Amino acid sequence: MTFGRGEFGFWRNVARTSVGQLVGLEGLLAVILGCTGGILLIHTASLEARVGTAGDILTLGSALVGVVFAGFALVIALLSDRYLLLLEKSPSGTKAFLAPFMINIGVQVFVVILSVAYRAAAKSVPPPVEKVAFVALCVLFIYAALNIVALARSVLAHGATRAEQATIDELQRIVDARRRAEGMPESGGRSIR
């Protein structure tokens, strides 16, 4: 197996993910809330206040990149070999489980870059460009923040799957122990592999 950028990069993960999974409820809410909030701030806040808001987004976005990246590393480190094999045997595979992390990290990095660019250029670009950039920044920030909940939901689902697998394994050990005690051959191993 090769570990090239093309195989595991942001754009490859985006291309492998369906539009429904990319956008989802989080994307819809981000568009609604980001556009509404951004347009409201355009009409009620000064340019300096919007630049300040972009600074807040920059601070929060940078922290979120670190938190999600650390969570990504922990999830990978804590997955057991057995569970990784189980994931790999599934139709979508391990890459599908890990892709949302890579996509959200990419979106969050883009939010950080856009925040820096907006703060640097907001006062020197034409007002329509500034306003569109601000609304886009609001939408992307909310999308990245809401996707953290989606990542947590995915990790929770996999935790529940691991718990179910552990229960099945324990039941299998009990059955095999009883069969051995009765002098019968073991049942042949685990039921899910």
N, C-alpha and C. Protein backbone atom coordinates (compact mmCIF):
# COMPACT_ATOMS: atom_id res chain seq x y z
N MET A 1 0.85 -1.18 0.00
CA MET A 1 0.00 0.00 0.00
C MET A 1 0.89 1.24 0.00
N THR A 2 0.54 2.20 -0.84
CA THR A 2 1.29 3.45 -0.87
C THR A 2 0.58 4.49 -0.03
N PHE A 3 1.34 5.43 0.47
CA PHE A 3 0.79 6.47 1.32
C PHE A 3 0.98 7.83 0.67
N GLY A 4 0.56 7.95 -0.57
CA GLY A 4 0.72 9.20 -1.29
C GLY A 4 -0.35 10.21 -0.92
N ARG A 5 -0.03 11.48 -1.17
CA ARG A 5 -0.97 12.57 -0.91
C ARG A 5 -2.27 12.37 -1.66
N GLY A 6 -2.16 11.90 -2.89
CA GLY A 6 -3.34 11.74 -3.71
C GLY A 6 -4.34 10.75 -3.16
N GLU A 7 -3.87 9.74 -2.47
CA GLU A 7 -4.77 8.71 -1.95
C GLU A 7 -5.49 9.13 -0.68
N PHE A 8 -4.85 9.94 0.13
CA PHE A 8 -5.42 10.26 1.43
C PHE A 8 -5.70 11.74 1.64
N GLY A 9 -5.49 12.54 0.62
CA GLY A 9 -5.63 13.99 0.75
C GLY A 9 -7.07 14.46 0.87
N PHE A 10 -7.19 15.73 1.14
CA PHE A 10 -8.49 16.37 1.32
C PHE A 10 -9.38 16.17 0.09
N TRP A 11 -8.86 16.52 -1.09
CA TRP A 11 -9.70 16.47 -2.29
C TRP A 11 -10.10 15.06 -2.66
N ARG A 12 -9.24 14.07 -2.42
CA ARG A 12 -9.60 12.68 -2.70
C ARG A 12 -10.74 12.25 -1.78
N ASN A 13 -10.67 12.65 -0.52
CA ASN A 13 -11.73 12.31 0.42
C ASN A 13 -13.03 13.00 0.07
N VAL A 14 -12.95 14.25 -0.40
CA VAL A 14 -14.15 14.95 -0.85
C VAL A 14 -14.75 14.22 -2.05
N ALA A 15 -13.90 13.81 -2.99
CA ALA A 15 -14.39 13.13 -4.20
C ALA A 15 -15.03 11.79 -3.87
N ARG A 16 -14.54 11.09 -2.85
CA ARG A 16 -15.08 9.78 -2.48
C ARG A 16 -16.38 9.88 -1.68
N THR A 17 -16.68 11.06 -1.18
CA THR A 17 -17.84 11.23 -0.31
C THR A 17 -19.02 11.74 -1.12
N SER A 18 -20.19 11.18 -0.87
CA SER A 18 -21.38 11.61 -1.61
C SER A 18 -21.77 13.03 -1.21
N VAL A 19 -22.48 13.70 -2.09
CA VAL A 19 -22.92 15.07 -1.82
C VAL A 19 -23.80 15.11 -0.57
N GLY A 20 -24.65 14.11 -0.41
CA GLY A 20 -25.52 14.06 0.76
C GLY A 20 -24.73 13.97 2.06
N GLN A 21 -23.62 13.20 2.04
CA GLN A 21 -22.78 13.11 3.22
C GLN A 21 -21.97 14.38 3.44
N LEU A 22 -21.56 15.02 2.35
CA LEU A 22 -20.78 16.25 2.49
C LEU A 22 -21.62 17.39 3.03
N VAL A 23 -22.82 17.52 2.52
CA VAL A 23 -23.66 18.65 2.90
C VAL A 23 -24.47 18.30 4.13
N GLY A 24 -25.36 17.36 4.00
CA GLY A 24 -26.17 16.90 5.12
C GLY A 24 -26.92 18.01 5.83
N LEU A 25 -27.46 17.68 6.97
CA LEU A 25 -28.19 18.64 7.79
C LEU A 25 -27.28 19.76 8.26
N GLU A 26 -26.03 19.41 8.57
CA GLU A 26 -25.08 20.42 9.03
C GLU A 26 -24.86 21.49 7.96
N GLY A 27 -24.72 21.07 6.71
CA GLY A 27 -24.51 22.02 5.61
C GLY A 27 -25.71 22.91 5.40
N LEU A 28 -26.89 22.32 5.46
CA LEU A 28 -28.12 23.10 5.30
C LEU A 28 -28.25 24.14 6.41
N LEU A 29 -28.03 23.70 7.65
CA LEU A 29 -28.09 24.64 8.77
C LEU A 29 -27.01 25.72 8.66
N ALA A 30 -25.82 25.34 8.20
CA ALA A 30 -24.74 26.31 8.05
C ALA A 30 -25.11 27.38 7.03
N VAL A 31 -25.71 26.97 5.92
CA VAL A 31 -26.13 27.95 4.91
C VAL A 31 -27.20 28.88 5.48
N ILE A 32 -28.18 28.31 6.15
CA ILE A 32 -29.26 29.13 6.71
C ILE A 32 -28.72 30.08 7.78
N LEU A 33 -28.02 29.52 8.77
CA LEU A 33 -27.53 30.33 9.88
C LEU A 33 -26.41 31.28 9.45
N GLY A 34 -25.50 30.78 8.63
CA GLY A 34 -24.37 31.61 8.18
C GLY A 34 -24.82 32.76 7.31
N CYS A 35 -25.70 32.48 6.35
CA CYS A 35 -26.20 33.56 5.49
C CYS A 35 -27.02 34.55 6.30
N THR A 36 -27.91 34.05 7.13
CA THR A 36 -28.76 34.94 7.94
C THR A 36 -27.90 35.79 8.87
N GLY A 37 -27.02 35.16 9.61
CA GLY A 37 -26.17 35.89 10.54
C GLY A 37 -25.22 36.84 9.83
N GLY A 38 -24.60 36.37 8.75
CA GLY A 38 -23.68 37.22 8.00
C GLY A 38 -24.36 38.44 7.41
N ILE A 39 -25.52 38.24 6.80
CA ILE A 39 -26.26 39.36 6.21
C ILE A 39 -26.75 40.31 7.29
N LEU A 40 -27.20 39.76 8.40
CA LEU A 40 -27.62 40.60 9.52
C LEU A 40 -26.46 41.48 10.00
N LEU A 41 -25.29 40.88 10.13
CA LEU A 41 -24.12 41.65 10.57
C LEU A 41 -23.68 42.68 9.53
N ILE A 42 -23.85 42.37 8.27
CA ILE A 42 -23.52 43.34 7.22
C ILE A 42 -24.39 44.59 7.38
N HIS A 43 -25.65 44.38 7.74
CA HIS A 43 -26.58 45.52 7.85
C HIS A 43 -26.51 46.22 9.20
N THR A 44 -25.99 45.55 10.22
CA THR A 44 -26.02 46.15 11.56
C THR A 44 -24.65 46.48 12.13
N ALA A 45 -23.60 45.88 11.61
CA ALA A 45 -22.26 46.07 12.18
C ALA A 45 -21.37 46.81 11.18
N SER A 46 -20.45 47.57 11.71
CA SER A 46 -19.50 48.29 10.86
C SER A 46 -18.48 47.32 10.28
N LEU A 47 -17.73 47.79 9.31
CA LEU A 47 -16.67 46.99 8.73
C LEU A 47 -15.66 46.58 9.80
N GLU A 48 -15.32 47.50 10.69
CA GLU A 48 -14.37 47.18 11.76
C GLU A 48 -14.92 46.06 12.66
N ALA A 49 -16.20 46.10 12.94
CA ALA A 49 -16.81 45.05 13.76
C ALA A 49 -16.78 43.71 13.04
N ARG A 50 -17.00 43.71 11.73
CA ARG A 50 -16.94 42.46 10.96
C ARG A 50 -15.52 41.92 10.93
N VAL A 51 -14.54 42.81 10.80
CA VAL A 51 -13.14 42.39 10.84
C VAL A 51 -12.83 41.78 12.22
N GLY A 52 -13.39 42.38 13.27
CA GLY A 52 -13.22 41.82 14.62
C GLY A 52 -13.87 40.45 14.74
N THR A 53 -15.04 40.30 14.14
CA THR A 53 -15.71 39.00 14.15
C THR A 53 -14.86 37.97 13.41
N ALA A 54 -14.26 38.37 12.30
CA ALA A 54 -13.37 37.45 11.57
C ALA A 54 -12.17 37.07 12.44
N GLY A 55 -11.72 37.99 13.27
CA GLY A 55 -10.65 37.66 14.22
C GLY A 55 -11.09 36.63 15.23
N ASP A 56 -12.32 36.77 15.71
CA ASP A 56 -12.87 35.76 16.63
C ASP A 56 -12.97 34.41 15.95
N ILE A 57 -13.43 34.42 14.69
CA ILE A 57 -13.53 33.17 13.93
C ILE A 57 -12.15 32.57 13.74
N LEU A 58 -11.15 33.41 13.48
CA LEU A 58 -9.78 32.94 13.32
C LEU A 58 -9.29 32.24 14.59
N THR A 59 -9.55 32.86 15.73
CA THR A 59 -9.12 32.27 17.00
C THR A 59 -9.83 30.94 17.25
N LEU A 60 -11.14 30.93 17.11
CA LEU A 60 -11.91 29.70 17.34
C LEU A 60 -11.59 28.63 16.30
N GLY A 61 -11.48 29.05 15.04
CA GLY A 61 -11.19 28.10 13.97
C GLY A 61 -9.84 27.43 14.16
N SER A 62 -8.85 28.21 14.57
CA SER A 62 -7.52 27.64 14.82
C SER A 62 -7.57 26.62 15.95
N ALA A 63 -8.30 26.94 17.00
CA ALA A 63 -8.43 26.00 18.12
C ALA A 63 -9.16 24.73 17.68
N LEU A 64 -10.20 24.89 16.86
CA LEU A 64 -10.95 23.72 16.40
C LEU A 64 -10.11 22.81 15.53
N VAL A 65 -9.23 23.38 14.71
CA VAL A 65 -8.33 22.55 13.91
C VAL A 65 -7.50 21.66 14.83
N GLY A 66 -6.95 22.26 15.87
CA GLY A 66 -6.14 21.48 16.80
C GLY A 66 -6.92 20.41 17.51
N VAL A 67 -8.12 20.75 17.95
CA VAL A 67 -8.95 19.79 18.69
C VAL A 67 -9.36 18.63 17.78
N VAL A 68 -9.81 18.94 16.58
CA VAL A 68 -10.25 17.86 15.67
C VAL A 68 -9.06 17.02 15.23
N PHE A 69 -7.92 17.65 14.97
CA PHE A 69 -6.74 16.87 14.59
C PHE A 69 -6.32 15.94 15.73
N ALA A 70 -6.32 16.44 16.96
CA ALA A 70 -5.98 15.60 18.11
C ALA A 70 -6.98 14.46 18.26
N GLY A 71 -8.27 14.76 18.08
CA GLY A 71 -9.29 13.71 18.14
C GLY A 71 -9.08 12.66 17.05
N PHE A 72 -8.74 13.11 15.86
CA PHE A 72 -8.47 12.23 14.73
C PHE A 72 -7.31 11.28 15.09
N ALA A 73 -6.23 11.84 15.62
CA ALA A 73 -5.07 11.03 15.99
C ALA A 73 -5.43 10.03 17.09
N LEU A 74 -6.22 10.47 18.07
CA LEU A 74 -6.63 9.56 19.14
C LEU A 74 -7.50 8.43 18.63
N VAL A 75 -8.44 8.75 17.75
CA VAL A 75 -9.31 7.71 17.20
C VAL A 75 -8.48 6.66 16.48
N ILE A 76 -7.53 7.11 15.67
CA ILE A 76 -6.69 6.16 14.93
C ILE A 76 -5.85 5.34 15.90
N ALA A 77 -5.26 6.00 16.89
CA ALA A 77 -4.38 5.30 17.83
C ALA A 77 -5.14 4.29 18.69
N LEU A 78 -6.38 4.59 19.02
CA LEU A 78 -7.12 3.73 19.94
C LEU A 78 -7.95 2.63 19.27
N LEU A 79 -8.03 2.65 17.96
CA LEU A 79 -8.75 1.57 17.28
C LEU A 79 -7.94 0.27 17.40
N SER A 80 -8.60 -0.78 17.84
CA SER A 80 -7.90 -2.06 17.94
C SER A 80 -7.68 -2.64 16.55
N ASP A 81 -6.69 -3.52 16.46
CA ASP A 81 -6.42 -4.17 15.18
C ASP A 81 -7.64 -4.95 14.69
N ARG A 82 -8.30 -5.64 15.62
CA ARG A 82 -9.50 -6.42 15.24
C ARG A 82 -10.57 -5.51 14.67
N TYR A 83 -10.78 -4.37 15.32
CA TYR A 83 -11.83 -3.47 14.84
C TYR A 83 -11.44 -2.84 13.50
N LEU A 84 -10.17 -2.53 13.32
CA LEU A 84 -9.72 -2.01 12.02
C LEU A 84 -9.96 -3.04 10.92
N LEU A 85 -9.70 -4.31 11.22
CA LEU A 85 -9.97 -5.37 10.24
C LEU A 85 -11.46 -5.48 9.95
N LEU A 86 -12.28 -5.35 10.98
CA LEU A 86 -13.73 -5.38 10.79
C LEU A 86 -14.18 -4.22 9.91
N LEU A 87 -13.63 -3.02 10.18
CA LEU A 87 -13.96 -1.86 9.35
C LEU A 87 -13.53 -2.08 7.91
N GLU A 88 -12.33 -2.61 7.74
CA GLU A 88 -11.80 -2.79 6.39
C GLU A 88 -12.64 -3.80 5.60
N LYS A 89 -13.25 -4.77 6.28
CA LYS A 89 -14.08 -5.76 5.60
C LYS A 89 -15.46 -5.21 5.24
N SER A 90 -15.83 -4.09 5.85
CA SER A 90 -17.14 -3.50 5.54
C SER A 90 -17.11 -2.94 4.12
N PRO A 91 -18.28 -2.79 3.49
CA PRO A 91 -18.31 -2.29 2.11
C PRO A 91 -17.64 -0.93 1.93
N SER A 92 -17.75 -0.05 2.91
CA SER A 92 -17.17 1.28 2.76
C SER A 92 -15.72 1.34 3.23
N GLY A 93 -15.30 0.45 4.09
CA GLY A 93 -13.91 0.38 4.51
C GLY A 93 -13.51 1.42 5.53
N THR A 94 -12.26 1.33 5.93
CA THR A 94 -11.70 2.22 6.94
C THR A 94 -11.64 3.65 6.45
N LYS A 95 -11.32 3.83 5.18
CA LYS A 95 -11.19 5.19 4.63
C LYS A 95 -12.49 5.96 4.76
N ALA A 96 -13.62 5.30 4.59
CA ALA A 96 -14.90 5.98 4.70
C ALA A 96 -15.16 6.44 6.13
N PHE A 97 -14.70 5.66 7.12
CA PHE A 97 -14.85 6.05 8.52
C PHE A 97 -13.97 7.25 8.84
N LEU A 98 -12.76 7.28 8.29
CA LEU A 98 -11.81 8.35 8.61
C LEU A 98 -11.96 9.59 7.73
N ALA A 99 -12.59 9.47 6.58
CA ALA A 99 -12.72 10.60 5.64
C ALA A 99 -13.37 11.84 6.25
N PRO A 100 -14.44 11.72 7.05
CA PRO A 100 -15.03 12.94 7.62
C PRO A 100 -14.06 13.76 8.47
N PHE A 101 -13.14 13.09 9.13
CA PHE A 101 -12.13 13.82 9.90
C PHE A 101 -11.27 14.67 8.97
N MET A 102 -10.77 14.03 7.90
CA MET A 102 -9.91 14.73 6.96
C MET A 102 -10.64 15.88 6.29
N ILE A 103 -11.89 15.65 5.92
CA ILE A 103 -12.68 16.70 5.26
C ILE A 103 -12.90 17.87 6.22
N ASN A 104 -13.27 17.57 7.46
CA ASN A 104 -13.53 18.66 8.40
C ASN A 104 -12.25 19.41 8.74
N ILE A 105 -11.13 18.72 8.86
CA ILE A 105 -9.86 19.41 9.10
C ILE A 105 -9.56 20.33 7.92
N GLY A 106 -9.79 19.85 6.71
CA GLY A 106 -9.56 20.69 5.52
C GLY A 106 -10.45 21.92 5.50
N VAL A 107 -11.72 21.76 5.84
CA VAL A 107 -12.64 22.90 5.89
C VAL A 107 -12.20 23.87 6.97
N GLN A 108 -11.80 23.37 8.11
CA GLN A 108 -11.37 24.25 9.19
C GLN A 108 -10.09 25.01 8.83
N VAL A 109 -9.17 24.35 8.16
CA VAL A 109 -7.96 25.04 7.70
C VAL A 109 -8.33 26.13 6.71
N PHE A 110 -9.28 25.85 5.81
CA PHE A 110 -9.73 26.86 4.86
C PHE A 110 -10.38 28.04 5.59
N VAL A 111 -11.13 27.76 6.65
CA VAL A 111 -11.73 28.83 7.46
C VAL A 111 -10.63 29.71 8.06
N VAL A 112 -9.57 29.10 8.55
CA VAL A 112 -8.46 29.87 9.12
C VAL A 112 -7.82 30.74 8.03
N ILE A 113 -7.56 30.16 6.87
CA ILE A 113 -6.95 30.91 5.77
C ILE A 113 -7.87 32.05 5.31
N LEU A 114 -9.16 31.75 5.16
CA LEU A 114 -10.11 32.78 4.74
C LEU A 114 -10.22 33.89 5.78
N SER A 115 -10.16 33.53 7.06
CA SER A 115 -10.20 34.54 8.12
C SER A 115 -9.01 35.48 8.04
N VAL A 116 -7.83 34.92 7.84
CA VAL A 116 -6.63 35.75 7.72
C VAL A 116 -6.74 36.64 6.48
N ALA A 117 -7.15 36.06 5.36
CA ALA A 117 -7.28 36.83 4.13
C ALA A 117 -8.33 37.93 4.27
N TYR A 118 -9.46 37.60 4.89
CA TYR A 118 -10.51 38.60 5.07
C TYR A 118 -10.01 39.75 5.93
N ARG A 119 -9.37 39.43 7.05
CA ARG A 119 -8.87 40.48 7.93
C ARG A 119 -7.84 41.36 7.22
N ALA A 120 -7.02 40.75 6.37
CA ALA A 120 -5.98 41.51 5.67
C ALA A 120 -6.53 42.38 4.55
N ALA A 121 -7.60 41.92 3.91
CA ALA A 121 -8.06 42.61 2.70
C ALA A 121 -9.41 43.30 2.82
N ALA A 122 -10.12 43.11 3.90
CA ALA A 122 -11.50 43.61 3.99
C ALA A 122 -11.61 45.10 3.74
N LYS A 123 -10.65 45.88 4.18
CA LYS A 123 -10.74 47.33 4.04
C LYS A 123 -10.25 47.83 2.68
N SER A 124 -9.65 46.96 1.90
CA SER A 124 -9.09 47.41 0.62
C SER A 124 -9.78 46.83 -0.61
N VAL A 125 -10.73 45.92 -0.43
CA VAL A 125 -11.46 45.37 -1.57
C VAL A 125 -12.79 46.10 -1.72
N PRO A 126 -13.41 46.03 -2.90
CA PRO A 126 -14.72 46.67 -3.06
C PRO A 126 -15.73 46.10 -2.05
N PRO A 127 -16.65 46.93 -1.55
CA PRO A 127 -17.63 46.47 -0.56
C PRO A 127 -18.39 45.21 -0.94
N PRO A 128 -18.82 45.04 -2.20
CA PRO A 128 -19.53 43.78 -2.51
C PRO A 128 -18.65 42.54 -2.29
N VAL A 129 -17.38 42.63 -2.63
CA VAL A 129 -16.47 41.51 -2.44
C VAL A 129 -16.28 41.23 -0.95
N GLU A 130 -16.11 42.29 -0.18
CA GLU A 130 -15.96 42.14 1.27
C GLU A 130 -17.17 41.48 1.89
N LYS A 131 -18.34 41.89 1.46
CA LYS A 131 -19.58 41.36 2.05
C LYS A 131 -19.78 39.88 1.69
N VAL A 132 -19.53 39.53 0.45
CA VAL A 132 -19.65 38.13 0.03
C VAL A 132 -18.64 37.26 0.79
N ALA A 133 -17.41 37.77 0.93
CA ALA A 133 -16.38 37.02 1.66
C ALA A 133 -16.78 36.83 3.12
N PHE A 134 -17.38 37.86 3.72
CA PHE A 134 -17.79 37.74 5.12
C PHE A 134 -18.89 36.70 5.29
N VAL A 135 -19.88 36.72 4.41
CA VAL A 135 -20.97 35.74 4.49
C VAL A 135 -20.41 34.33 4.25
N ALA A 136 -19.51 34.19 3.28
CA ALA A 136 -18.90 32.88 3.02
C ALA A 136 -18.13 32.39 4.24
N LEU A 137 -17.42 33.30 4.89
CA LEU A 137 -16.68 32.95 6.10
C LEU A 137 -17.64 32.49 7.20
N CYS A 138 -18.75 33.18 7.36
CA CYS A 138 -19.74 32.79 8.37
C CYS A 138 -20.31 31.40 8.09
N VAL A 139 -20.66 31.15 6.83
CA VAL A 139 -21.23 29.85 6.45
C VAL A 139 -20.22 28.74 6.71
N LEU A 140 -18.98 28.93 6.25
CA LEU A 140 -17.97 27.88 6.41
C LEU A 140 -17.61 27.64 7.87
N PHE A 141 -17.55 28.70 8.67
CA PHE A 141 -17.25 28.52 10.09
C PHE A 141 -18.35 27.71 10.77
N ILE A 142 -19.60 28.06 10.51
CA ILE A 142 -20.70 27.33 11.13
C ILE A 142 -20.73 25.88 10.63
N TYR A 143 -20.45 25.68 9.35
CA TYR A 143 -20.39 24.32 8.80
C TYR A 143 -19.32 23.50 9.52
N ALA A 144 -18.13 24.07 9.68
CA ALA A 144 -17.05 23.35 10.36
C ALA A 144 -17.40 23.06 11.81
N ALA A 145 -18.01 24.03 12.48
CA ALA A 145 -18.40 23.82 13.88
C ALA A 145 -19.46 22.74 14.01
N LEU A 146 -20.48 22.79 13.15
CA LEU A 146 -21.54 21.78 13.22
C LEU A 146 -21.03 20.39 12.85
N ASN A 147 -20.04 20.34 11.98
CA ASN A 147 -19.50 19.03 11.60
C ASN A 147 -18.73 18.36 12.72
N ILE A 148 -18.34 19.11 13.74
CA ILE A 148 -17.73 18.48 14.91
C ILE A 148 -18.76 17.59 15.59
N VAL A 149 -19.99 18.04 15.62
CA VAL A 149 -21.06 17.21 16.18
C VAL A 149 -21.25 15.96 15.32
N ALA A 150 -21.17 16.12 14.00
CA ALA A 150 -21.30 14.96 13.11
C ALA A 150 -20.15 13.97 13.34
N LEU A 151 -18.95 14.48 13.56
CA LEU A 151 -17.82 13.60 13.85
C LEU A 151 -18.04 12.85 15.16
N ALA A 152 -18.54 13.56 16.15
CA ALA A 152 -18.82 12.92 17.44
C ALA A 152 -19.87 11.83 17.28
N ARG A 153 -20.88 12.10 16.45
CA ARG A 153 -21.92 11.10 16.20
C ARG A 153 -21.32 9.85 15.56
N SER A 154 -20.41 10.04 14.62
CA SER A 154 -19.76 8.92 13.95
C SER A 154 -18.91 8.11 14.93
N VAL A 155 -18.15 8.80 15.76
CA VAL A 155 -17.32 8.11 16.73
C VAL A 155 -18.19 7.36 17.74
N LEU A 156 -19.29 7.96 18.15
CA LEU A 156 -20.22 7.30 19.07
C LEU A 156 -20.79 6.03 18.44
N ALA A 157 -21.17 6.11 17.18
CA ALA A 157 -21.72 4.93 16.50
C ALA A 157 -20.68 3.82 16.43
N HIS A 158 -19.44 4.18 16.15
CA HIS A 158 -18.40 3.16 16.11
C HIS A 158 -18.09 2.61 17.50
N GLY A 159 -18.20 3.45 18.51
CA GLY A 159 -18.05 2.96 19.88
C GLY A 159 -19.12 1.94 20.23
N ALA A 160 -20.35 2.23 19.82
CA ALA A 160 -21.45 1.29 20.06
C ALA A 160 -21.22 -0.01 19.30
N THR A 161 -20.70 0.08 18.09
CA THR A 161 -20.41 -1.12 17.31
C THR A 161 -19.32 -1.95 17.98
N ARG A 162 -18.29 -1.27 18.50
CA ARG A 162 -17.23 -2.00 19.21
C ARG A 162 -17.79 -2.68 20.46
N ALA A 163 -18.70 -2.02 21.16
CA ALA A 163 -19.31 -2.62 22.35
C ALA A 163 -20.13 -3.85 21.97
N GLU A 164 -20.88 -3.76 20.88
CA GLU A 164 -21.65 -4.92 20.41
C GLU A 164 -20.72 -6.06 20.04
N GLN A 165 -19.60 -5.73 19.36
CA GLN A 165 -18.64 -6.76 18.99
C GLN A 165 -18.04 -7.42 20.23
N ALA A 166 -17.73 -6.63 21.25
CA ALA A 166 -17.18 -7.18 22.50
C ALA A 166 -18.19 -8.10 23.17
N THR A 167 -19.47 -7.73 23.12
CA THR A 167 -20.53 -8.58 23.70
C THR A 167 -20.62 -9.91 22.97
N ILE A 168 -20.57 -9.85 21.65
CA ILE A 168 -20.63 -11.07 20.85
C ILE A 168 -19.41 -11.94 21.14
N ASP A 169 -18.24 -11.32 21.22
CA ASP A 169 -17.03 -12.08 21.53
C ASP A 169 -17.12 -12.76 22.90
N GLU A 170 -17.63 -12.03 23.88
CA GLU A 170 -17.77 -12.60 25.23
C GLU A 170 -18.75 -13.77 25.23
N LEU A 171 -19.87 -13.61 24.55
CA LEU A 171 -20.84 -14.72 24.45
C LEU A 171 -20.22 -15.92 23.75
N GLN A 172 -19.40 -15.66 22.72
CA GLN A 172 -18.74 -16.75 22.01
C GLN A 172 -17.77 -17.48 22.93
N ARG A 173 -17.05 -16.73 23.76
CA ARG A 173 -16.12 -17.36 24.72
C ARG A 173 -16.89 -18.23 25.72
N ILE A 174 -18.05 -17.75 26.16
CA ILE A 174 -18.87 -18.52 27.10
C ILE A 174 -19.35 -19.82 26.46
N VAL A 175 -19.84 -19.72 25.23
CA VAL A 175 -20.31 -20.91 24.51
C VAL A 175 -19.17 -21.89 24.31
N ASP A 176 -18.01 -21.38 23.89
CA ASP A 176 -16.86 -22.27 23.67
C ASP A 176 -16.40 -22.93 24.97
N ALA A 177 -16.42 -22.18 26.08
CA ALA A 177 -16.03 -22.75 27.37
C ALA A 177 -16.98 -23.87 27.77
N ARG A 178 -18.28 -23.65 27.57
CA ARG A 178 -19.27 -24.71 27.90
C ARG A 178 -19.08 -25.92 27.02
N ARG A 179 -18.81 -25.69 25.75
CA ARG A 179 -18.62 -26.81 24.83
C ARG A 179 -17.38 -27.61 25.22
N ARG A 180 -16.31 -26.91 25.60
CA ARG A 180 -15.10 -27.61 26.05
C ARG A 180 -15.38 -28.40 27.32
N ALA A 181 -16.13 -27.80 28.25
CA ALA A 181 -16.45 -28.47 29.51
C ALA A 181 -17.28 -29.73 29.28
N GLU A 182 -18.10 -29.72 28.23
CA GLU A 182 -18.93 -30.88 27.92
C GLU A 182 -18.23 -31.85 26.98
N GLY A 183 -16.97 -31.55 26.63
CA GLY A 183 -16.21 -32.44 25.76
C GLY A 183 -16.57 -32.30 24.29
N MET A 184 -17.25 -31.25 23.94
CA MET A 184 -17.63 -31.03 22.54
C MET A 184 -16.62 -30.09 21.88
N PRO A 185 -16.50 -30.19 20.57
CA PRO A 185 -15.58 -29.27 19.89
C PRO A 185 -16.11 -27.83 19.98
N GLU A 186 -15.17 -26.89 19.92
CA GLU A 186 -15.58 -25.48 19.95
C GLU A 186 -16.38 -25.16 18.70
N SER A 187 -17.12 -24.08 18.76
CA SER A 187 -18.03 -23.73 17.68
C SER A 187 -17.34 -23.20 16.43
N GLY A 188 -16.06 -22.98 16.48
CA GLY A 188 -15.39 -22.57 15.27
C GLY A 188 -14.97 -21.11 15.24
N GLY A 189 -15.09 -20.43 16.32
CA GLY A 189 -14.56 -19.06 16.35
C GLY A 189 -15.63 -18.00 16.49
N ARG A 190 -15.22 -16.83 16.23
CA ARG A 190 -16.07 -15.66 16.40
C ARG A 190 -17.13 -15.59 15.30
N SER A 191 -18.27 -15.05 15.65
CA SER A 191 -19.36 -14.99 14.69
C SER A 191 -19.22 -13.85 13.69
N ILE A 192 -18.45 -12.82 14.05
CA ILE A 192 -18.26 -11.71 13.11
C ILE A 192 -16.76 -11.56 12.85
N ARG A 193 -16.37 -11.82 11.62
CA ARG A 193 -14.97 -11.64 11.21
C ARG A 193 -14.90 -11.40 9.75
